[in-house]
Amino acid sequence: MRQNLIKYLLFVIACFATLLGLLGVILPLLPATPFFILALFGFSKSSPRFQQWLLNLPGIGDDLKHWQAHKKINKQRKPAIYLSIVVSFLISILLIGQTTLQLMLVVLMLILLFCMKKLPES
């Protein structure tokens, strides 16, 4: 009974993470990849069918397969990731008129860039 509850909870979390990941593809400030990685983990423990569906998604599936196999980010993809982070944050910073929020976004962008730099590459 407890194991079924854990599987159900992981499935719900994975569904929610997938939804947030899909929103992250559209919205500039919401990162998609961490949510897809969380969804991949949840589906791997609760639903192999949904795990395969996620791994076959166009645009993100190949990156998830690479992450699943190596737990590393593709070295050739890192510059594009850096660029997308900087561009999306700069657009948001320019659209927000409050200096305090702009500074918070700059700090958040720098933290995200630092974390990306620390991830292992392949």
Foldseek 3Di string as FASTA:
>chain_A
DVLLVLLVVLQVLLVVLQVLLVVCVVALPRHNVVSLLSNLVSCVSHPPVVNVVSLPDPPCNVQNVVCVVPVAGEPVCLVVVLVSLVVSLVVVLVVDDDPVVSVVSVVVSVVVNVVSVPTHYD
